Amino acid sequence: MYRSLDEVPAEVRRRIAAAMEDGNSGTVLIADRRIPHGMAPPQEPPRPAPKPRWDRRLVLELALAGALTLGVWMLATLR
């Protein structure tokens, strides 16, 4: 484990410097897998709330489709 960039071997330091000069690099983060003292371990992300079984819009569309079907049927059967 290296505590500073000065402790990194020259070849690795050269590769880090080249990566930082690349136009595609924005932030370079060098970290290890250990959790720093005092930090809580990562938690499971919250699950999204379940969607209601019947959306208000779906019910409205079904009612409109039924009303249109009834209207067309009534117009077709009237003499």
PDB file of N, CA and C in Angstrom:
ATOM      1  N   MET A   1       0.850  -1.169   0.000  1.00  0.00           N
ATOM      2  CA  MET A   1       0.000   0.000   0.000  1.00  0.00           C
ATOM      3  C   MET A   1       0.901   1.240   0.000  1.00  0.00           C
ATOM      4  N   TYR A   2       0.596   2.171  -0.848  1.00  0.00           N
ATOM      5  CA  TYR A   2       1.366   3.407  -0.945  1.00  0.00           C
ATOM      6  C   TYR A   2       0.575   4.537  -0.304  1.00  0.00           C
ATOM      7  N   ARG A   3       1.226   5.280   0.536  1.00  0.00           N
ATOM      8  CA  ARG A   3       0.552   6.374   1.242  1.00  0.00           C
ATOM      9  C   ARG A   3       0.585   7.676   0.446  1.00  0.00           C
ATOM     10  N   SER A   4       1.473   7.776  -0.516  1.00  0.00           N
ATOM     11  CA  SER A   4       1.536   8.974  -1.346  1.00  0.00           C
ATOM     12  C   SER A   4       2.044   8.587  -2.728  1.00  0.00           C
ATOM     13  N   LEU A   5       1.930   9.506  -3.661  1.00  0.00           N
ATOM     14  CA  LEU A   5       2.393   9.250  -5.020  1.00  0.00           C
ATOM     15  C   LEU A   5       3.911   9.086  -5.068  1.00  0.00           C
ATOM     16  N   ASP A   6       4.619   9.660  -4.114  1.00  0.00           N
ATOM     17  CA  ASP A   6       6.078   9.545  -4.081  1.00  0.00           C
ATOM     18  C   ASP A   6       6.525   8.119  -3.783  1.00  0.00           C
ATOM     19  N   GLU A   7       5.709   7.328  -3.101  1.00  0.00           N
ATOM     20  CA  GLU A   7       6.062   5.962  -2.759  1.00  0.00           C
ATOM     21  C   GLU A   7       5.792   4.979  -3.904  1.00  0.00           C
ATOM     22  N   VAL A   8       5.055   5.406  -4.918  1.00  0.00           N
ATOM     23  CA  VAL A   8       4.715   4.537  -6.047  1.00  0.00           C
ATOM     24  C   VAL A   8       5.965   4.340  -6.911  1.00  0.00           C
ATOM     25  N   PRO A   9       6.215   3.110  -7.401  1.00  0.00           N
ATOM     26  CA  PRO A   9       7.363   2.879  -8.286  1.00  0.00           C
ATOM     27  C   PRO A   9       7.313   3.783  -9.519  1.00  0.00           C
ATOM     28  N   ALA A  10       8.462   4.095 -10.051  1.00  0.00           N
ATOM     29  CA  ALA A  10       8.576   5.059 -11.154  1.00  0.00           C
ATOM     30  C   ALA A  10       7.740   4.660 -12.372  1.00  0.00           C
ATOM     31  N   GLU A  11       7.756   3.383 -12.741  1.00  0.00           N
ATOM     32  CA  GLU A  11       7.011   2.941 -13.923  1.00  0.00           C
ATOM     33  C   GLU A  11       5.503   3.129 -13.724  1.00  0.00           C
ATOM     34  N   VAL A  12       5.007   2.776 -12.545  1.00  0.00           N
ATOM     35  CA  VAL A  12       3.584   2.939 -12.257  1.00  0.00           C
ATOM     36  C   VAL A  12       3.234   4.426 -12.189  1.00  0.00           C
ATOM     37  N   ARG A  13       4.106   5.225 -11.608  1.00  0.00           N
ATOM     38  CA  ARG A  13       3.886   6.669 -11.527  1.00  0.00           C
ATOM     39  C   ARG A  13       3.808   7.275 -12.924  1.00  0.00           C
ATOM     40  N   ARG A  14       4.660   6.791 -13.842  1.00  0.00           N
ATOM     41  CA  ARG A  14       4.642   7.286 -15.222  1.00  0.00           C
ATOM     42  C   ARG A  14       3.310   6.942 -15.889  1.00  0.00           C
ATOM     43  N   ARG A  15       2.806   5.726 -15.659  1.00  0.00           N
ATOM     44  CA  ARG A  15       1.530   5.320 -16.246  1.00  0.00           C
ATOM     45  C   ARG A  15       0.369   6.134 -15.666  1.00  0.00           C
ATOM     46  N   ILE A  16       0.432   6.431 -14.381  1.00  0.00           N
ATOM     47  CA  ILE A  16      -0.603   7.256 -13.757  1.00  0.00           C
ATOM     48  C   ILE A  16      -0.587   8.660 -14.361  1.00  0.00           C
ATOM     49  N   ALA A  17       0.600   9.219 -14.510  1.00  0.00           N
ATOM     50  CA  ALA A  17       0.727  10.568 -15.085  1.00  0.00           C
ATOM     51  C   ALA A  17       0.207  10.587 -16.522  1.00  0.00           C
ATOM     52  N   ALA A  18       0.496   9.537 -17.301  1.00  0.00           N
ATOM     53  CA  ALA A  18       0.016   9.477 -18.683  1.00  0.00           C
ATOM     54  C   ALA A  18      -1.507   9.382 -18.714  1.00  0.00           C
ATOM     55  N   ALA A  19      -2.077   8.618 -17.786  1.00  0.00           N
ATOM     56  CA  ALA A  19      -3.538   8.490 -17.741  1.00  0.00           C
ATOM     57  C   ALA A  19      -4.192   9.811 -17.365  1.00  0.00           C
ATOM     58  N   MET A  20      -3.552  10.577 -16.498  1.00  0.00           N
ATOM     59  CA  MET A  20      -4.114  11.852 -16.077  1.00  0.00           C
ATOM     60  C   MET A  20      -4.047  12.901 -17.176  1.00  0.00           C
ATOM     61  N   GLU A  21      -3.092  12.771 -18.093  1.00  0.00           N
ATOM     62  CA  GLU A  21      -2.952  13.728 -19.188  1.00  0.00           C
ATOM     63  C   GLU A  21      -3.885  13.416 -20.345  1.00  0.00           C
ATOM     64  N   ASP A  22      -4.463  12.227 -20.374  1.00  0.00           N
ATOM     65  CA  ASP A  22      -5.363  11.824 -21.435  1.00  0.00           C
ATOM     66  C   ASP A  22      -6.592  12.730 -21.433  1.00  0.00           C
ATOM     67  N   GLY A  23      -7.090  13.068 -22.603  1.00  0.00           N
ATOM     68  CA  GLY A  23      -8.246  13.950 -22.712  1.00  0.00           C
ATOM     69  C   GLY A  23      -9.528  13.342 -22.180  1.00  0.00           C
ATOM     70  N   ASN A  24      -9.583  12.027 -22.077  1.00  0.00           N
ATOM     71  CA  ASN A  24     -10.799  11.360 -21.618  1.00  0.00           C
ATOM     72  C   ASN A  24     -10.864  11.229 -20.104  1.00  0.00           C
ATOM     73  N   SER A  25      -9.785  11.533 -19.412  1.00  0.00           N
ATOM     74  CA  SER A  25      -9.804  11.366 -17.956  1.00  0.00           C
ATOM     75  C   SER A  25     -10.334  12.630 -17.302  1.00  0.00           C
ATOM     76  N   GLY A  26     -11.235  12.433 -16.351  1.00  0.00           N
ATOM     77  CA  GLY A  26     -11.767  13.566 -15.611  1.00  0.00           C
ATOM     78  C   GLY A  26     -11.260  13.558 -14.183  1.00  0.00           C
ATOM     79  N   THR A  27     -11.382  12.421 -13.535  1.00  0.00           N
ATOM     80  CA  THR A  27     -10.956  12.263 -12.155  1.00  0.00           C
ATOM     81  C   THR A  27     -10.243  10.930 -12.030  1.00  0.00           C
ATOM     82  N   VAL A  28      -9.122  10.932 -11.372  1.00  0.00           N
ATOM     83  CA  VAL A  28      -8.392   9.697 -11.126  1.00  0.00           C
ATOM     84  C   VAL A  28      -8.486   9.413  -9.635  1.00  0.00           C
ATOM     85  N   LEU A  29      -9.028   8.259  -9.293  1.00  0.00           N
ATOM     86  CA  LEU A  29      -9.189   7.869  -7.905  1.00  0.00           C
ATOM     87  C   LEU A  29      -8.376   6.608  -7.674  1.00  0.00           C
ATOM     88  N   ILE A  30      -7.484   6.669  -6.715  1.00  0.00           N
ATOM     89  CA  ILE A  30      -6.674   5.509  -6.366  1.00  0.00           C
ATOM     90  C   ILE A  30      -7.113   5.095  -4.970  1.00  0.00           C
ATOM     91  N   ALA A  31      -7.635   3.870  -4.856  1.00  0.00           N
ATOM     92  CA  ALA A  31      -8.175   3.419  -3.575  1.00  0.00           C
ATOM     93  C   ALA A  31      -7.894   1.944  -3.393  1.00  0.00           C
ATOM     94  N   ASP A  32      -8.005   1.503  -2.154  1.00  0.00           N
ATOM     95  CA  ASP A  32      -7.895   0.073  -1.892  1.00  0.00           C
ATOM     96  C   ASP A  32      -9.253  -0.452  -1.459  1.00  0.00           C
ATOM     97  N   ARG A  33      -9.354  -1.747  -1.253  1.00  0.00           N
ATOM     98  CA  ARG A  33     -10.631  -2.374  -0.949  1.00  0.00           C
ATOM     99  C   ARG A  33     -11.037  -2.233   0.513  1.00  0.00           C
ATOM    100  N   ARG A  34     -10.136  -1.844   1.368  1.00  0.00           N
ATOM    101  CA  ARG A  34     -10.470  -1.730   2.781  1.00  0.00           C
ATOM    102  C   ARG A  34     -11.341  -0.509   3.041  1.00  0.00           C
ATOM    103  N   ILE A  35     -12.192  -0.620   4.033  1.00  0.00           N
ATOM    104  CA  ILE A  35     -13.063   0.492   4.404  1.00  0.00           C
ATOM    105  C   ILE A  35     -12.328   1.329   5.443  1.00  0.00           C
ATOM    106  N   PRO A  36     -12.190   2.648   5.212  1.00  0.00           N
ATOM    107  CA  PRO A  36     -11.516   3.487   6.201  1.00  0.00           C
ATOM    108  C   PRO A  36     -12.214   3.430   7.553  1.00  0.00           C
ATOM    109  N   HIS A  37     -11.440   3.578   8.602  1.00  0.00           N
ATOM    110  CA  HIS A  37     -11.977   3.527   9.952  1.00  0.00           C
ATOM    111  C   HIS A  37     -13.030   4.617  10.140  1.00  0.00           C
ATOM    112  N   GLY A  38     -14.156   4.240  10.703  1.00  0.00           N
ATOM    113  CA  GLY A  38     -15.217   5.211  10.972  1.00  0.00           C
ATOM    114  C   GLY A  38     -16.263   5.303   9.876  1.00  0.00           C
ATOM    115  N   MET A  39     -16.018   4.692   8.724  1.00  0.00           N
ATOM    116  CA  MET A  39     -17.012   4.718   7.647  1.00  0.00           C
ATOM    117  C   MET A  39     -17.883   3.476   7.736  1.00  0.00           C
ATOM    118  N   ALA A  40     -19.155   3.639   7.504  1.00  0.00           N
ATOM    119  CA  ALA A  40     -20.065   2.503   7.500  1.00  0.00           C
ATOM    120  C   ALA A  40     -19.918   1.748   6.185  1.00  0.00           C
ATOM    121  N   PRO A  41     -20.045   0.440   6.210  1.00  0.00           N
ATOM    122  CA  PRO A  41     -19.969  -0.312   4.955  1.00  0.00           C
ATOM    123  C   PRO A  41     -21.137   0.063   4.045  1.00  0.00           C
ATOM    124  N   PRO A  42     -20.965  -0.078   2.738  1.00  0.00           N
ATOM    125  CA  PRO A  42     -22.053   0.283   1.818  1.00  0.00           C
ATOM    126  C   PRO A  42     -23.288  -0.558   2.091  1.00  0.00           C
ATOM    127  N   GLN A  43     -24.441   0.088   1.985  1.00  0.00           N
ATOM    128  CA  GLN A  43     -25.701  -0.592   2.230  1.00  0.00           C
ATOM    129  C   GLN A  43     -26.372  -0.921   0.908  1.00  0.00           C
ATOM    130  N   GLU A  44     -27.326  -1.825   0.974  1.00  0.00           N
ATOM    131  CA  GLU A  44     -28.084  -2.189  -0.213  1.00  0.00           C
ATOM    132  C   GLU A  44     -28.908  -0.982  -0.660  1.00  0.00           C
ATOM    133  N   PRO A  45     -28.919  -0.673  -1.964  1.00  0.00           N
ATOM    134  CA  PRO A  45     -29.692   0.494  -2.420  1.00  0.00           C
ATOM    135  C   PRO A  45     -31.183   0.284  -2.157  1.00  0.00           C
ATOM    136  N   PRO A  46     -31.910   1.367  -1.887  1.00  0.00           N
ATOM    137  CA  PRO A  46     -33.343   1.221  -1.622  1.00  0.00           C
ATOM    138  C   PRO A  46     -34.080   0.730  -2.857  1.00  0.00           C
ATOM    139  N   ARG A  47     -35.080  -0.083  -2.634  1.00  0.00           N
ATOM    140  CA  ARG A  47     -35.878  -0.601  -3.739  1.00  0.00           C
ATOM    141  C   ARG A  47     -36.947   0.423  -4.098  1.00  0.00           C
ATOM    142  N   PRO A  48     -37.261   0.552  -5.385  1.00  0.00           N
ATOM    143  CA  PRO A  48     -38.318   1.499  -5.757  1.00  0.00           C
ATOM    144  C   PRO A  48     -39.667   1.020  -5.224  1.00  0.00           C
ATOM    145  N   ALA A  49     -40.534   1.979  -4.966  1.00  0.00           N
ATOM    146  CA  ALA A  49     -41.866   1.652  -4.459  1.00  0.00           C
ATOM    147  C   ALA A  49     -42.626   0.866  -5.523  1.00  0.00           C
ATOM    148  N   PRO A  50     -43.399  -0.134  -5.102  1.00  0.00           N
ATOM    149  CA  PRO A  50     -44.154  -0.899  -6.098  1.00  0.00           C
ATOM    150  C   PRO A  50     -45.201  -0.030  -6.779  1.00  0.00           C
ATOM    151  N   LYS A  51     -45.365  -0.263  -8.073  1.00  0.00           N
ATOM    152  CA  LYS A  51     -46.347   0.488  -8.847  1.00  0.00           C
ATOM    153  C   LYS A  51     -47.751   0.002  -8.513  1.00  0.00           C
ATOM    154  N   PRO A  52     -48.719   0.897  -8.433  1.00  0.00           N
ATOM    155  CA  PRO A  52     -50.083   0.443  -8.175  1.00  0.00           C
ATOM    156  C   PRO A  52     -50.550  -0.486  -9.294  1.00  0.00           C
ATOM    157  N   ARG A  53     -51.377  -1.444  -8.923  1.00  0.00           N
ATOM    158  CA  ARG A  53     -51.812  -2.441  -9.901  1.00  0.00           C
ATOM    159  C   ARG A  53     -52.583  -1.790 -11.054  1.00  0.00           C
ATOM    160  N   TRP A  54     -53.425  -0.859 -10.751  1.00  0.00           N
ATOM    161  CA  TRP A  54     -54.186  -0.172 -11.794  1.00  0.00           C
ATOM    162  C   TRP A  54     -53.822   1.309 -11.775  1.00  0.00           C
ATOM    163  N   ASP A  55     -53.196   1.746 -12.835  1.00  0.00           N
ATOM    164  CA  ASP A  55     -52.897   3.169 -12.987  1.00  0.00           C
ATOM    165  C   ASP A  55     -54.190   3.920 -13.274  1.00  0.00           C
ATOM    166  N   ARG A  56     -54.261   5.139 -12.835  1.00  0.00           N
ATOM    167  CA  ARG A  56     -55.447   5.956 -13.099  1.00  0.00           C
ATOM    168  C   ARG A  56     -55.634   6.148 -14.606  1.00  0.00           C
ATOM    169  N   ARG A  57     -54.515   6.344 -15.323  1.00  0.00           N
ATOM    170  CA  ARG A  57     -54.604   6.560 -16.768  1.00  0.00           C
ATOM    171  C   ARG A  57     -55.104   5.304 -17.478  1.00  0.00           C
ATOM    172  N   LEU A  58     -54.652   4.126 -17.037  1.00  0.00           N
ATOM    173  CA  LEU A  58     -55.088   2.878 -17.654  1.00  0.00           C
ATOM    174  C   LEU A  58     -56.589   2.692 -17.475  1.00  0.00           C
ATOM    175  N   VAL A  59     -57.103   2.956 -16.289  1.00  0.00           N
ATOM    176  CA  VAL A  59     -58.535   2.826 -16.029  1.00  0.00           C
ATOM    177  C   VAL A  59     -59.320   3.802 -16.913  1.00  0.00           C
ATOM    178  N   LEU A  60     -58.817   5.018 -17.038  1.00  0.00           N
ATOM    179  CA  LEU A  60     -59.486   6.012 -17.885  1.00  0.00           C
ATOM    180  C   LEU A  60     -59.498   5.569 -19.351  1.00  0.00           C
ATOM    181  N   GLU A  61     -58.381   5.035 -19.836  1.00  0.00           N
ATOM    182  CA  GLU A  61     -58.317   4.577 -21.227  1.00  0.00           C
ATOM    183  C   GLU A  61     -59.257   3.400 -21.471  1.00  0.00           C
ATOM    184  N   LEU A  62     -59.319   2.472 -20.516  1.00  0.00           N
ATOM    185  CA  LEU A  62     -60.235   1.341 -20.674  1.00  0.00           C
ATOM    186  C   LEU A  62     -61.690   1.797 -20.675  1.00  0.00           C
ATOM    187  N   ALA A  63     -62.033   2.745 -19.802  1.00  0.00           N
ATOM    188  CA  ALA A  63     -63.394   3.263 -19.756  1.00  0.00           C
ATOM    189  C   ALA A  63     -63.743   3.988 -21.055  1.00  0.00           C
ATOM    190  N   LEU A  64     -62.811   4.760 -21.581  1.00  0.00           N
ATOM    191  CA  LEU A  64     -63.046   5.477 -22.838  1.00  0.00           C
ATOM    192  C   LEU A  64     -63.213   4.501 -24.001  1.00  0.00           C
ATOM    193  N   ALA A  65     -62.380   3.469 -24.036  1.00  0.00           N
ATOM    194  CA  ALA A  65     -62.495   2.470 -25.099  1.00  0.00           C
ATOM    195  C   ALA A  65     -63.845   1.762 -25.020  1.00  0.00           C
ATOM    196  N   GLY A  66     -64.277   1.439 -23.802  1.00  0.00           N
ATOM    197  CA  GLY A  66     -65.587   0.794 -23.638  1.00  0.00           C
ATOM    198  C   GLY A  66     -66.719   1.708 -24.072  1.00  0.00           C
ATOM    199  N   ALA A  67     -66.649   2.972 -23.706  1.00  0.00           N
ATOM    200  CA  ALA A  67     -67.696   3.930 -24.085  1.00  0.00           C
ATOM    201  C   ALA A  67     -67.746   4.107 -25.600  1.00  0.00           C
ATOM    202  N   LEU A  68     -66.588   4.185 -26.246  1.00  0.00           N
ATOM    203  CA  LEU A  68     -66.566   4.316 -27.710  1.00  0.00           C
ATOM    204  C   LEU A  68     -67.131   3.074 -28.382  1.00  0.00           C
ATOM    205  N   THR A  69     -66.770   1.896 -27.866  1.00  0.00           N
ATOM    206  CA  THR A  69     -67.300   0.646 -28.429  1.00  0.00           C
ATOM    207  C   THR A  69     -68.818   0.590 -28.276  1.00  0.00           C
ATOM    208  N   LEU A  70     -69.311   0.966 -27.118  1.00  0.00           N
ATOM    209  CA  LEU A  70     -70.758   0.987 -26.879  1.00  0.00           C
ATOM    210  C   LEU A  70     -71.438   1.978 -27.818  1.00  0.00           C
ATOM    211  N   GLY A  71     -70.841   3.142 -28.003  1.00  0.00           N
ATOM    212  CA  GLY A  71     -71.421   4.151 -28.892  1.00  0.00           C
ATOM    213  C   GLY A  71     -71.467   3.680 -30.334  1.00  0.00           C
ATOM    214  N   VAL A  72     -70.389   3.051 -30.796  1.00  0.00           N
ATOM    215  CA  VAL A  72     -70.370   2.547 -32.179  1.00  0.00           C
ATOM    216  C   VAL A  72     -71.407   1.432 -32.328  1.00  0.00           C
ATOM    217  N   TRP A  73     -71.512   0.549 -31.353  1.00  0.00           N
ATOM    218  CA  TRP A  73     -72.491  -0.547 -31.411  1.00  0.00           C
ATOM    219  C   TRP A  73     -73.916   0.009 -31.437  1.00  0.00           C
ATOM    220  N   MET A  74     -74.166   1.024 -30.615  1.00  0.00           N
ATOM    221  CA  MET A  74     -75.506   1.607 -30.590  1.00  0.00           C
ATOM    222  C   MET A  74     -75.846   2.271 -31.916  1.00  0.00           C
ATOM    223  N   LEU A  75     -74.899   2.973 -32.520  1.00  0.00           N
ATOM    224  CA  LEU A  75     -75.135   3.618 -33.825  1.00  0.00           C
ATOM    225  C   LEU A  75     -75.362   2.576 -34.902  1.00  0.00           C
ATOM    226  N   ALA A  76     -74.663   1.444 -34.835  1.00  0.00           N
ATOM    227  CA  ALA A  76     -74.806   0.408 -35.858  1.00  0.00           C
ATOM    228  C   ALA A  76     -76.134  -0.313 -35.734  1.00  0.00           C
ATOM    229  N   THR A  77     -76.669  -0.439 -34.533  1.00  0.00           N
ATOM    230  CA  THR A  77     -77.906  -1.201 -34.349  1.00  0.00           C
ATOM    231  C   THR A  77     -79.159  -0.341 -34.455  1.00  0.00           C
ATOM    232  N   LEU A  78     -79.060   0.953 -34.368  1.00  0.00           N
ATOM    233  CA  LEU A  78     -80.224   1.830 -34.485  1.00  0.00           C
ATOM    234  C   LEU A  78     -80.707   1.873 -35.931  1.00  0.00           C
ATOM    235  N   ARG A  79     -82.036   1.867 -36.095  1.00  0.00           N
ATOM    236  CA  ARG A  79     -82.561   1.926 -37.464  1.00  0.00           C
ATOM    237  C   ARG A  79     -83.431   3.087 -37.641  1.00  0.00           C
TER     238      ARG A  79
END
